[in-house]
Amino acid sequence: MAPSCKFIVIALAVGLILKRIRRGLFSFGATCITFCLYNAQASGITIPNAIVGMALFVGGVAQFTGGVIEFCRRSTFTGSVFCIYGNFWLSYAAVLLPGTGIAAAYDGEANMLGDALGIYLVIWTIITVLFLIVALRKTVALILLLSILATTFLLLAIAQFTGSSAVAKAGGIVGVVTGFGAFYVGLGELLAVDPFPPFLLPQGVFKH
């Protein structure tokens, strides 16, 4: 086979794989696990600001870019999910960045900041439930992932409203499960497009 023909074949194969891989799942999962480990106070961590870089570039930019690509492929649901949650990480990182002055505006008003973040997280709970409704006829794995994610947002919102460290830890633990759930779905799709996969992960695809 001529080099040019080989290049075309390889390009087509890579294009087919990328068309089906939801790269945003790995970006979301990695950021979610890291952030929620902080919320669960793993290793005694109580200040989550180290997540800013990851939230900006992995959870934010990488995931949003993946969403734009999905829109270009006319995958409206996947594109919407990736872009929306990419924006979540970007907006949350903005709250933590000192340069924005958002957190500093609540200096001395810890309760007000907690209420503001609680409302913010409630809105994300609602958004996740809306995505869950759309996903009800897609796959069991996706339904479970969005259900656990909605629970994570709700627990973290309650923690902000109440100031309960126990609820915050619970939200962090559930969030870690959410992140690994995103890895599971993403890995399942990677294996599904591999011509010789070592194994397959069941996704629970509904028959239409």
N, C-alpha and C. Protein backbone atom coordinates (compact mmCIF):
# COMPACT_ATOMS: atom_id res chain seq x y z
N MET A 1 0.85 -1.20 0.00
CA MET A 1 0.00 0.00 0.00
C MET A 1 0.88 1.25 0.00
N ALA A 2 0.57 2.21 -0.85
CA ALA A 2 1.34 3.45 -0.93
C ALA A 2 1.22 4.21 0.38
N PRO A 3 2.28 5.03 0.74
CA PRO A 3 2.24 5.78 1.98
C PRO A 3 1.02 6.67 2.10
N SER A 4 0.62 7.32 0.99
CA SER A 4 -0.54 8.21 1.03
C SER A 4 -1.81 7.44 1.36
N CYS A 5 -1.92 6.22 0.80
CA CYS A 5 -3.10 5.40 1.07
C CYS A 5 -3.12 4.95 2.53
N LYS A 6 -1.92 4.60 3.04
CA LYS A 6 -1.84 4.20 4.44
C LYS A 6 -2.28 5.34 5.35
N PHE A 7 -1.85 6.54 5.00
CA PHE A 7 -2.22 7.70 5.81
C PHE A 7 -3.73 7.90 5.82
N ILE A 8 -4.35 7.74 4.65
CA ILE A 8 -5.80 7.92 4.56
C ILE A 8 -6.53 6.88 5.40
N VAL A 9 -6.06 5.62 5.33
CA VAL A 9 -6.69 4.55 6.11
C VAL A 9 -6.56 4.82 7.60
N ILE A 10 -5.34 5.21 8.02
CA ILE A 10 -5.11 5.51 9.44
C ILE A 10 -5.98 6.68 9.89
N ALA A 11 -6.06 7.72 9.06
CA ALA A 11 -6.87 8.89 9.40
C ALA A 11 -8.34 8.53 9.56
N LEU A 12 -8.83 7.69 8.65
CA LEU A 12 -10.23 7.27 8.74
C LEU A 12 -10.47 6.44 9.99
N ALA A 13 -9.52 5.57 10.32
CA ALA A 13 -9.67 4.73 11.52
C ALA A 13 -9.68 5.58 12.78
N VAL A 14 -8.74 6.53 12.85
CA VAL A 14 -8.68 7.41 14.02
C VAL A 14 -9.95 8.25 14.11
N GLY A 15 -10.42 8.74 12.97
CA GLY A 15 -11.64 9.53 12.96
C GLY A 15 -12.83 8.75 13.46
N LEU A 16 -12.90 7.47 13.07
CA LEU A 16 -14.01 6.63 13.52
C LEU A 16 -13.96 6.43 15.03
N ILE A 17 -12.75 6.21 15.55
CA ILE A 17 -12.60 6.02 16.99
C ILE A 17 -12.97 7.29 17.75
N LEU A 18 -12.44 8.42 17.30
CA LEU A 18 -12.71 9.68 17.99
C LEU A 18 -14.18 10.06 17.92
N LYS A 19 -14.86 9.60 16.87
CA LYS A 19 -16.27 9.91 16.74
C LYS A 19 -17.07 9.29 17.87
N ARG A 20 -16.60 8.15 18.38
CA ARG A 20 -17.36 7.44 19.39
C ARG A 20 -16.82 7.61 20.81
N ILE A 21 -15.61 8.09 20.94
CA ILE A 21 -15.03 8.25 22.27
C ILE A 21 -15.52 9.55 22.88
N ARG A 22 -16.08 9.46 24.06
CA ARG A 22 -16.52 10.66 24.77
C ARG A 22 -15.38 11.12 25.68
N ARG A 23 -14.40 11.82 25.07
CA ARG A 23 -13.20 12.20 25.81
C ARG A 23 -13.52 13.05 27.03
N GLY A 24 -14.65 13.75 27.00
CA GLY A 24 -15.02 14.59 28.13
C GLY A 24 -15.28 13.80 29.39
N LEU A 25 -15.62 12.52 29.26
CA LEU A 25 -15.88 11.69 30.43
C LEU A 25 -14.63 11.55 31.30
N PHE A 26 -13.48 11.41 30.66
CA PHE A 26 -12.24 11.27 31.42
C PHE A 26 -11.84 12.61 32.05
N SER A 27 -12.06 13.70 31.34
CA SER A 27 -11.77 15.03 31.89
C SER A 27 -12.64 15.30 33.11
N PHE A 28 -13.93 15.01 32.96
CA PHE A 28 -14.85 15.23 34.07
C PHE A 28 -14.52 14.32 35.24
N GLY A 29 -14.30 13.03 34.94
CA GLY A 29 -14.04 12.07 36.00
C GLY A 29 -12.80 12.41 36.81
N ALA A 30 -11.72 12.78 36.13
CA ALA A 30 -10.47 13.09 36.82
C ALA A 30 -10.63 14.31 37.73
N THR A 31 -11.28 15.35 37.22
CA THR A 31 -11.47 16.56 38.02
C THR A 31 -12.43 16.32 39.17
N CYS A 32 -13.48 15.56 38.90
CA CYS A 32 -14.48 15.27 39.93
C CYS A 32 -13.88 14.48 41.08
N ILE A 33 -13.08 13.47 40.76
CA ILE A 33 -12.46 12.66 41.82
C ILE A 33 -11.53 13.51 42.67
N THR A 34 -10.70 14.32 42.03
CA THR A 34 -9.75 15.16 42.77
C THR A 34 -10.48 16.15 43.67
N PHE A 35 -11.46 16.85 43.10
CA PHE A 35 -12.22 17.85 43.86
C PHE A 35 -12.96 17.21 45.04
N CYS A 36 -13.57 16.06 44.79
CA CYS A 36 -14.37 15.42 45.84
C CYS A 36 -13.51 14.76 46.91
N LEU A 37 -12.30 14.35 46.56
CA LEU A 37 -11.37 13.89 47.59
C LEU A 37 -11.03 15.04 48.54
N TYR A 38 -10.91 16.25 47.98
CA TYR A 38 -10.68 17.42 48.83
C TYR A 38 -11.88 17.65 49.74
N ASN A 39 -13.09 17.53 49.17
CA ASN A 39 -14.30 17.72 49.97
C ASN A 39 -14.43 16.66 51.06
N ALA A 40 -13.97 15.46 50.77
CA ALA A 40 -13.99 14.39 51.77
C ALA A 40 -12.85 14.53 52.77
N GLN A 41 -12.03 15.58 52.59
CA GLN A 41 -10.90 15.89 53.47
C GLN A 41 -9.89 14.74 53.52
N ALA A 42 -9.65 14.15 52.36
CA ALA A 42 -8.64 13.10 52.27
C ALA A 42 -7.27 13.67 52.64
N SER A 43 -6.50 12.92 53.40
CA SER A 43 -5.17 13.35 53.88
C SER A 43 -5.23 14.64 54.69
N GLY A 44 -6.40 14.93 55.26
CA GLY A 44 -6.54 16.12 56.09
C GLY A 44 -6.66 17.42 55.33
N ILE A 45 -6.89 17.37 54.02
CA ILE A 45 -7.02 18.57 53.20
C ILE A 45 -8.36 19.25 53.48
N THR A 46 -8.33 20.52 53.84
CA THR A 46 -9.56 21.27 54.10
C THR A 46 -9.71 22.48 53.19
N ILE A 47 -8.66 22.81 52.44
CA ILE A 47 -8.71 23.95 51.52
C ILE A 47 -8.62 23.41 50.09
N PRO A 48 -9.68 23.59 49.28
CA PRO A 48 -9.74 22.95 47.96
C PRO A 48 -9.10 23.73 46.82
N ASN A 49 -8.43 24.86 47.12
CA ASN A 49 -7.97 25.74 46.05
C ASN A 49 -6.95 25.13 45.09
N ALA A 50 -6.32 24.03 45.49
CA ALA A 50 -5.37 23.36 44.60
C ALA A 50 -6.06 22.78 43.37
N ILE A 51 -7.39 22.72 43.39
CA ILE A 51 -8.14 22.16 42.27
C ILE A 51 -8.24 23.16 41.12
N VAL A 52 -7.90 24.43 41.35
CA VAL A 52 -8.13 25.48 40.36
C VAL A 52 -7.51 25.15 39.01
N GLY A 53 -6.23 24.78 38.98
CA GLY A 53 -5.58 24.48 37.70
C GLY A 53 -6.26 23.35 36.96
N MET A 54 -6.59 22.29 37.68
CA MET A 54 -7.24 21.14 37.05
C MET A 54 -8.65 21.50 36.58
N ALA A 55 -9.36 22.27 37.40
CA ALA A 55 -10.72 22.67 37.02
C ALA A 55 -10.72 23.55 35.77
N LEU A 56 -9.72 24.42 35.66
CA LEU A 56 -9.64 25.31 34.51
C LEU A 56 -9.33 24.56 33.22
N PHE A 57 -8.30 23.72 33.26
CA PHE A 57 -7.78 23.16 32.02
C PHE A 57 -8.24 21.74 31.71
N VAL A 58 -8.47 20.93 32.72
CA VAL A 58 -8.92 19.55 32.48
C VAL A 58 -10.45 19.48 32.50
N GLY A 59 -11.03 19.89 33.63
CA GLY A 59 -12.48 19.87 33.71
C GLY A 59 -13.14 20.94 32.87
N GLY A 60 -12.46 22.08 32.70
CA GLY A 60 -13.05 23.20 31.98
C GLY A 60 -12.76 23.20 30.49
N VAL A 61 -11.55 23.63 30.12
CA VAL A 61 -11.21 23.81 28.71
C VAL A 61 -11.30 22.50 27.92
N ALA A 62 -10.69 21.43 28.45
CA ALA A 62 -10.68 20.15 27.72
C ALA A 62 -12.09 19.61 27.51
N GLN A 63 -12.89 19.68 28.57
CA GLN A 63 -14.25 19.15 28.46
C GLN A 63 -15.12 20.02 27.55
N PHE A 64 -14.99 21.34 27.67
CA PHE A 64 -15.77 22.24 26.82
C PHE A 64 -15.40 22.04 25.35
N THR A 65 -14.10 21.88 25.08
CA THR A 65 -13.66 21.64 23.70
C THR A 65 -14.25 20.34 23.16
N GLY A 66 -14.26 19.31 24.01
CA GLY A 66 -14.88 18.05 23.60
C GLY A 66 -16.35 18.23 23.27
N GLY A 67 -17.03 19.08 24.03
CA GLY A 67 -18.43 19.36 23.76
C GLY A 67 -18.64 20.05 22.43
N VAL A 68 -17.78 21.01 22.12
CA VAL A 68 -17.88 21.71 20.83
C VAL A 68 -17.71 20.73 19.67
N ILE A 69 -16.74 19.81 19.82
CA ILE A 69 -16.52 18.80 18.78
C ILE A 69 -17.76 17.93 18.61
N GLU A 70 -18.40 17.57 19.73
CA GLU A 70 -19.61 16.76 19.65
C GLU A 70 -20.74 17.52 18.95
N PHE A 71 -20.85 18.82 19.20
CA PHE A 71 -21.85 19.63 18.50
C PHE A 71 -21.59 19.63 16.99
N CYS A 72 -20.31 19.73 16.62
CA CYS A 72 -19.96 19.71 15.20
C CYS A 72 -20.35 18.39 14.55
N ARG A 73 -20.39 17.33 15.35
CA ARG A 73 -20.80 16.02 14.84
C ARG A 73 -22.30 15.80 15.01
N ARG A 74 -23.00 16.86 15.40
CA ARG A 74 -24.46 16.84 15.57
C ARG A 74 -24.91 15.89 16.68
N SER A 75 -24.06 15.72 17.66
CA SER A 75 -24.43 14.96 18.85
C SER A 75 -24.86 15.96 19.91
N THR A 76 -26.13 16.37 19.83
CA THR A 76 -26.61 17.48 20.66
C THR A 76 -26.55 17.18 22.14
N PHE A 77 -27.00 16.00 22.54
CA PHE A 77 -27.02 15.67 23.97
C PHE A 77 -25.62 15.64 24.56
N THR A 78 -24.71 14.90 23.93
CA THR A 78 -23.34 14.79 24.44
C THR A 78 -22.65 16.14 24.42
N GLY A 79 -22.84 16.91 23.35
CA GLY A 79 -22.24 18.23 23.27
C GLY A 79 -22.74 19.14 24.38
N SER A 80 -24.04 19.08 24.64
CA SER A 80 -24.63 19.91 25.70
C SER A 80 -24.07 19.53 27.06
N VAL A 81 -23.99 18.23 27.33
CA VAL A 81 -23.48 17.76 28.62
C VAL A 81 -22.05 18.21 28.84
N PHE A 82 -21.19 17.99 27.85
CA PHE A 82 -19.78 18.34 28.01
C PHE A 82 -19.58 19.85 28.14
N CYS A 83 -20.27 20.63 27.31
CA CYS A 83 -20.11 22.09 27.38
C CYS A 83 -20.63 22.65 28.70
N ILE A 84 -21.79 22.15 29.14
CA ILE A 84 -22.38 22.66 30.37
C ILE A 84 -21.49 22.35 31.58
N TYR A 85 -21.03 21.10 31.68
CA TYR A 85 -20.20 20.75 32.83
C TYR A 85 -18.79 21.32 32.71
N GLY A 86 -18.34 21.56 31.49
CA GLY A 86 -17.09 22.29 31.31
C GLY A 86 -17.22 23.69 31.88
N ASN A 87 -18.37 24.31 31.63
CA ASN A 87 -18.64 25.64 32.18
C ASN A 87 -18.76 25.60 33.70
N PHE A 88 -19.28 24.49 34.22
CA PHE A 88 -19.35 24.36 35.69
C PHE A 88 -17.96 24.47 36.30
N TRP A 89 -17.02 23.71 35.76
CA TRP A 89 -15.68 23.73 36.33
C TRP A 89 -15.01 25.09 36.14
N LEU A 90 -15.23 25.71 34.99
CA LEU A 90 -14.66 27.04 34.76
C LEU A 90 -15.23 28.05 35.75
N SER A 91 -16.53 28.01 35.96
CA SER A 91 -17.17 28.97 36.86
C SER A 91 -16.77 28.72 38.31
N TYR A 92 -16.64 27.44 38.69
CA TYR A 92 -16.24 27.15 40.07
C TYR A 92 -14.79 27.58 40.31
N ALA A 93 -13.94 27.36 39.31
CA ALA A 93 -12.55 27.80 39.43
C ALA A 93 -12.48 29.32 39.59
N ALA A 94 -13.38 30.02 38.90
CA ALA A 94 -13.40 31.49 39.00
C ALA A 94 -13.73 31.93 40.43
N VAL A 95 -14.58 31.19 41.11
CA VAL A 95 -14.91 31.52 42.50
C VAL A 95 -13.68 31.39 43.39
N LEU A 96 -12.87 30.37 43.14
CA LEU A 96 -11.69 30.11 43.98
C LEU A 96 -10.50 30.99 43.63
N LEU A 97 -10.44 31.50 42.40
CA LEU A 97 -9.31 32.34 42.00
C LEU A 97 -9.32 33.67 42.76
N PRO A 98 -8.24 34.00 43.46
CA PRO A 98 -8.21 35.26 44.21
C PRO A 98 -8.40 36.49 43.32
N GLY A 99 -7.88 36.41 42.10
CA GLY A 99 -7.94 37.56 41.21
C GLY A 99 -9.35 38.00 40.83
N THR A 100 -10.31 37.10 40.91
CA THR A 100 -11.69 37.47 40.55
C THR A 100 -12.36 38.28 41.65
N GLY A 101 -11.90 38.11 42.88
CA GLY A 101 -12.49 38.85 44.00
C GLY A 101 -13.84 38.32 44.44
N ILE A 102 -14.28 37.19 43.88
CA ILE A 102 -15.61 36.66 44.22
C ILE A 102 -15.67 36.22 45.67
N ALA A 103 -14.74 35.34 46.06
CA ALA A 103 -14.74 34.87 47.45
C ALA A 103 -14.40 36.00 48.42
N ALA A 104 -13.50 36.90 48.00
CA ALA A 104 -13.10 38.01 48.87
C ALA A 104 -14.26 38.95 49.15
N ALA A 105 -15.23 39.03 48.25
CA ALA A 105 -16.39 39.90 48.45
C ALA A 105 -17.22 39.46 49.65
N TYR A 106 -17.07 38.20 50.05
CA TYR A 106 -17.83 37.67 51.19
C TYR A 106 -16.97 37.63 52.46
N ASP A 107 -15.89 38.39 52.48
CA ASP A 107 -14.99 38.40 53.63
C ASP A 107 -15.76 38.80 54.89
N GLY A 108 -15.72 37.94 55.89
CA GLY A 108 -16.46 38.21 57.12
C GLY A 108 -17.92 37.79 57.05
N GLU A 109 -18.34 37.27 55.92
CA GLU A 109 -19.73 36.82 55.73
C GLU A 109 -19.74 35.37 55.28
N ALA A 110 -19.18 34.51 56.12
CA ALA A 110 -19.05 33.10 55.76
C ALA A 110 -20.40 32.44 55.52
N ASN A 111 -21.40 32.82 56.32
CA ASN A 111 -22.73 32.23 56.14
C ASN A 111 -23.35 32.63 54.81
N MET A 112 -23.14 33.88 54.42
CA MET A 112 -23.68 34.35 53.14
C MET A 112 -22.99 33.64 51.98
N LEU A 113 -21.69 33.44 52.08
CA LEU A 113 -20.96 32.72 51.04
C LEU A 113 -21.46 31.29 50.94
N GLY A 114 -21.70 30.66 52.09
CA GLY A 114 -22.23 29.30 52.08
C GLY A 114 -23.59 29.22 51.42
N ASP A 115 -24.45 30.20 51.72
CA ASP A 115 -25.78 30.22 51.10
C ASP A 115 -25.68 30.46 49.59
N ALA A 116 -24.77 31.35 49.20
CA ALA A 116 -24.60 31.65 47.77
C ALA A 116 -24.11 30.41 47.02
N LEU A 117 -23.13 29.71 47.58
CA LEU A 117 -22.63 28.49 46.94
C LEU A 117 -23.68 27.38 46.99
N GLY A 118 -24.48 27.37 48.05
CA GLY A 118 -25.56 26.38 48.14
C GLY A 118 -26.56 26.55 47.02
N ILE A 119 -26.96 27.80 46.76
CA ILE A 119 -27.89 28.08 45.65
C ILE A 119 -27.26 27.68 44.33
N TYR A 120 -25.99 28.02 44.17
CA TYR A 120 -25.23 27.67 42.96
C TYR A 120 -25.28 26.16 42.72
N LEU A 121 -25.06 25.37 43.76
CA LEU A 121 -25.04 23.92 43.62
C LEU A 121 -26.43 23.33 43.43
N VAL A 122 -27.45 23.98 44.00
CA VAL A 122 -28.83 23.53 43.77
C VAL A 122 -29.18 23.67 42.29
N ILE A 123 -28.76 24.78 41.69
CA ILE A 123 -29.01 24.98 40.26
C ILE A 123 -28.36 23.86 39.45
N TRP A 124 -27.15 23.47 39.82
CA TRP A 124 -26.47 22.39 39.10
C TRP A 124 -27.13 21.04 39.36
N THR A 125 -27.75 20.90 40.51
CA THR A 125 -28.52 19.68 40.77
C THR A 125 -29.70 19.60 39.81
N ILE A 126 -30.39 20.72 39.64
CA ILE A 126 -31.54 20.77 38.73
C ILE A 126 -31.12 20.49 37.29
N ILE A 127 -30.02 21.12 36.86
CA ILE A 127 -29.51 20.89 35.50
C ILE A 127 -29.21 19.41 35.28
N THR A 128 -28.60 18.79 36.28
CA THR A 128 -28.25 17.37 36.16
C THR A 128 -29.50 16.50 36.07
N VAL A 129 -30.53 16.84 36.84
CA VAL A 129 -31.80 16.09 36.77
C VAL A 129 -32.42 16.23 35.39
N LEU A 130 -32.32 17.41 34.79
CA LEU A 130 -32.86 17.61 33.43
C LEU A 130 -32.12 16.73 32.43
N PHE A 131 -30.80 16.67 32.55
CA PHE A 131 -30.03 15.77 31.68
C PHE A 131 -30.41 14.31 31.93
N LEU A 132 -30.67 13.99 33.19
CA LEU A 132 -31.06 12.62 33.55
C LEU A 132 -32.36 12.22 32.87
N ILE A 133 -33.30 13.15 32.79
CA ILE A 133 -34.58 12.87 32.12
C ILE A 133 -34.35 12.52 30.66
N VAL A 134 -33.47 13.28 30.00
CA VAL A 134 -33.18 13.02 28.59
C VAL A 134 -32.47 11.67 28.42
N ALA A 135 -31.68 11.28 29.42
CA ALA A 135 -30.86 10.06 29.32
C ALA A 135 -31.63 8.79 29.65
N LEU A 136 -32.90 8.90 30.02
CA LEU A 136 -33.64 7.73 30.50
C LEU A 136 -33.75 6.59 29.50
N ARG A 137 -33.61 6.88 28.21
CA ARG A 137 -33.69 5.82 27.21
C ARG A 137 -32.36 5.61 26.50
N LYS A 138 -31.26 6.00 27.15
CA LYS A 138 -29.94 5.83 26.53
C LYS A 138 -29.27 4.57 27.07
N THR A 139 -28.53 4.67 28.15
CA THR A 139 -27.91 3.47 28.74
C THR A 139 -28.10 3.48 30.25
N VAL A 140 -28.10 2.30 30.83
CA VAL A 140 -28.23 2.18 32.29
C VAL A 140 -27.03 2.85 32.96
N ALA A 141 -25.84 2.67 32.40
CA ALA A 141 -24.63 3.25 32.98
C ALA A 141 -24.72 4.77 33.04
N LEU A 142 -25.23 5.39 31.98
CA LEU A 142 -25.35 6.84 31.95
C LEU A 142 -26.41 7.32 32.93
N ILE A 143 -27.50 6.58 33.04
CA ILE A 143 -28.55 6.93 34.00
C ILE A 143 -28.01 6.91 35.43
N LEU A 144 -27.27 5.85 35.75
CA LEU A 144 -26.69 5.74 37.09
C LEU A 144 -25.67 6.85 37.34
N LEU A 145 -24.87 7.16 36.32
CA LEU A 145 -23.85 8.21 36.46
C LEU A 145 -24.49 9.55 36.77
N LEU A 146 -25.52 9.93 36.02
CA LEU A 146 -26.18 11.21 36.24
C LEU A 146 -26.95 11.23 37.55
N SER A 147 -27.49 10.10 37.94
CA SER A 147 -28.21 10.02 39.22
C SER A 147 -27.26 10.26 40.39
N ILE A 148 -26.10 9.62 40.33
CA ILE A 148 -25.11 9.80 41.41
C ILE A 148 -24.56 11.22 41.40
N LEU A 149 -24.38 11.79 40.20
CA LEU A 149 -23.89 13.16 40.10
C LEU A 149 -24.89 14.14 40.71
N ALA A 150 -26.18 13.94 40.44
CA ALA A 150 -27.21 14.80 41.02
C ALA A 150 -27.18 14.70 42.55
N THR A 151 -26.99 13.49 43.06
CA THR A 151 -26.89 13.29 44.51
C THR A 151 -25.68 14.02 45.08
N THR A 152 -24.57 13.99 44.34
CA THR A 152 -23.36 14.69 44.78
C THR A 152 -23.61 16.18 44.90
N PHE A 153 -24.18 16.78 43.86
CA PHE A 153 -24.47 18.21 43.90
C PHE A 153 -25.41 18.55 45.05
N LEU A 154 -26.42 17.72 45.26
CA LEU A 154 -27.40 17.99 46.32
C LEU A 154 -26.74 17.93 47.70
N LEU A 155 -25.93 16.92 47.93
CA LEU A 155 -25.25 16.80 49.22
C LEU A 155 -24.30 17.98 49.46
N LEU A 156 -23.57 18.37 48.43
CA LEU A 156 -22.65 19.50 48.58
C LEU A 156 -23.41 20.80 48.80
N ALA A 157 -24.59 20.93 48.18
CA ALA A 157 -25.43 22.11 48.41
C ALA A 157 -25.91 22.15 49.86
N ILE A 158 -26.38 21.02 50.36
CA ILE A 158 -26.83 20.94 51.76
C ILE A 158 -25.68 21.28 52.71
N ALA A 159 -24.50 20.80 52.38
CA ALA A 159 -23.32 21.09 53.21
C ALA A 159 -23.04 22.58 53.26
N GLN A 160 -23.21 23.26 52.14
CA GLN A 160 -22.98 24.71 52.11
C GLN A 160 -24.04 25.45 52.92
N PHE A 161 -25.29 25.03 52.80
CA PHE A 161 -26.37 25.69 53.54
C PHE A 161 -26.24 25.49 55.05
N THR A 162 -25.85 24.29 55.45
CA THR A 162 -25.82 23.94 56.88
C THR A 162 -24.46 24.11 57.53
N GLY A 163 -23.41 24.15 56.71
CA GLY A 163 -22.07 24.22 57.25
C GLY A 163 -21.61 22.91 57.87
N SER A 164 -22.30 21.82 57.52
CA SER A 164 -21.99 20.51 58.09
C SER A 164 -20.79 19.88 57.38
N SER A 165 -19.74 19.63 58.13
CA SER A 165 -18.57 18.97 57.54
C SER A 165 -18.86 17.50 57.24
N ALA A 166 -19.77 16.90 58.02
CA ALA A 166 -20.12 15.49 57.80
C ALA A 166 -20.83 15.33 56.46
N VAL A 167 -21.76 16.25 56.16
CA VAL A 167 -22.47 16.19 54.88
C VAL A 167 -21.52 16.49 53.73
N ALA A 168 -20.59 17.42 53.95
CA ALA A 168 -19.59 17.74 52.92
C ALA A 168 -18.73 16.51 52.62
N LYS A 169 -18.34 15.79 53.66
CA LYS A 169 -17.57 14.56 53.45
C LYS A 169 -18.38 13.52 52.69
N ALA A 170 -19.67 13.41 53.07
CA ALA A 170 -20.54 12.46 52.37
C ALA A 170 -20.66 12.82 50.90
N GLY A 171 -20.83 14.12 50.62
CA GLY A 171 -20.89 14.58 49.23
C GLY A 171 -19.60 14.29 48.49
N GLY A 172 -18.47 14.45 49.20
CA GLY A 172 -17.18 14.15 48.59
C GLY A 172 -17.03 12.68 48.24
N ILE A 173 -17.47 11.82 49.15
CA ILE A 173 -17.38 10.38 48.90
C ILE A 173 -18.25 9.96 47.73
N VAL A 174 -19.49 10.47 47.71
CA VAL A 174 -20.39 10.16 46.59
C VAL A 174 -19.82 10.71 45.28
N GLY A 175 -19.18 11.89 45.37
CA GLY A 175 -18.58 12.48 44.18
C GLY A 175 -17.43 11.66 43.63
N VAL A 176 -16.66 11.03 44.51
CA VAL A 176 -15.59 10.14 44.06
C VAL A 176 -16.18 8.97 43.28
N VAL A 177 -17.29 8.44 43.79
CA VAL A 177 -17.99 7.37 43.07
C VAL A 177 -18.45 7.86 41.70
N THR A 178 -18.93 9.11 41.65
CA THR A 178 -19.35 9.71 40.38
C THR A 178 -18.19 9.76 39.39
N GLY A 179 -17.03 10.21 39.87
CA GLY A 179 -15.86 10.30 39.01
C GLY A 179 -15.44 8.96 38.44
N PHE A 180 -15.43 7.94 39.29
CA PHE A 180 -15.08 6.61 38.80
C PHE A 180 -16.16 6.06 37.87
N GLY A 181 -17.41 6.49 38.09
CA GLY A 181 -18.48 6.11 37.17
C GLY A 181 -18.24 6.69 35.79
N ALA A 182 -17.75 7.94 35.74
CA ALA A 182 -17.41 8.56 34.46
C ALA A 182 -16.27 7.80 33.78
N PHE A 183 -15.28 7.38 34.57
CA PHE A 183 -14.20 6.55 34.02
C PHE A 183 -14.74 5.25 33.44
N TYR A 184 -15.69 4.65 34.15
CA TYR A 184 -16.26 3.37 33.71
C TYR A 184 -16.95 3.52 32.35
N VAL A 185 -17.79 4.56 32.23
CA VAL A 185 -18.49 4.77 30.97
C VAL A 185 -17.50 5.10 29.85
N GLY A 186 -16.52 5.96 30.16
CA GLY A 186 -15.52 6.32 29.16
C GLY A 186 -14.69 5.13 28.71
N LEU A 187 -14.25 4.31 29.67
CA LEU A 187 -13.47 3.12 29.34
C LEU A 187 -14.32 2.13 28.55
N GLY A 188 -15.59 2.02 28.89
CA GLY A 188 -16.48 1.13 28.15
C GLY A 188 -16.57 1.50 26.69
N GLU A 189 -16.60 2.80 26.41
CA GLU A 189 -16.67 3.25 25.02
C GLU A 189 -15.33 3.06 24.31
N LEU A 190 -14.23 3.24 25.03
CA LEU A 190 -12.92 2.98 24.42
C LEU A 190 -12.78 1.51 24.03
N LEU A 191 -13.18 0.63 24.91
CA LEU A 191 -13.09 -0.80 24.63
C LEU A 191 -14.03 -1.20 23.50
N ALA A 192 -15.17 -0.54 23.41
CA ALA A 192 -16.17 -0.89 22.39
C ALA A 192 -15.67 -0.61 20.98
N VAL A 193 -14.76 0.37 20.83
CA VAL A 193 -14.27 0.70 19.49
C VAL A 193 -12.93 0.04 19.19
N ASP A 194 -12.38 -0.67 20.18
CA ASP A 194 -11.12 -1.39 19.96
C ASP A 194 -11.41 -2.66 19.17
N PRO A 195 -10.69 -2.90 18.06
CA PRO A 195 -10.95 -4.11 17.26
C PRO A 195 -10.69 -5.40 18.03
N PHE A 196 -9.74 -5.36 18.98
CA PHE A 196 -9.42 -6.56 19.75
C PHE A 196 -9.37 -6.21 21.25
N PRO A 197 -10.52 -5.88 21.83
CA PRO A 197 -10.53 -5.48 23.24
C PRO A 197 -10.23 -6.65 24.16
N PRO A 198 -9.46 -6.43 25.23
CA PRO A 198 -9.19 -7.52 26.18
C PRO A 198 -10.46 -7.98 26.91
N PHE A 199 -11.39 -7.05 27.04
CA PHE A 199 -12.69 -7.35 27.64
C PHE A 199 -13.63 -6.19 27.31
N LEU A 200 -14.90 -6.34 27.62
CA LEU A 200 -15.88 -5.28 27.40
C LEU A 200 -16.58 -4.96 28.72
N LEU A 201 -16.97 -3.71 28.87
CA LEU A 201 -17.71 -3.30 30.06
C LEU A 201 -19.18 -3.10 29.68
N PRO A 202 -20.09 -3.79 30.31
CA PRO A 202 -21.51 -3.62 29.98
C PRO A 202 -22.00 -2.22 30.29
N GLN A 203 -22.73 -1.63 29.35
CA GLN A 203 -23.28 -0.29 29.52
C GLN A 203 -24.79 -0.31 29.73
N GLY A 204 -25.42 -1.43 29.41
CA GLY A 204 -26.87 -1.51 29.57
C GLY A 204 -27.61 -0.70 28.53
N VAL A 205 -27.29 -0.94 27.26
CA VAL A 205 -27.92 -0.20 26.16
C VAL A 205 -29.36 -0.67 25.99
N PHE A 206 -30.28 0.28 25.90
CA PHE A 206 -31.69 -0.05 25.71
C PHE A 206 -31.96 -0.40 24.25
N LYS A 207 -32.85 -1.34 24.04
CA LYS A 207 -33.27 -1.68 22.69
C LYS A 207 -34.43 -0.78 22.29
N HIS A 208 -34.28 -0.11 21.14
CA HIS A 208 -35.33 0.80 20.68
C HIS A 208 -36.13 0.15 19.56
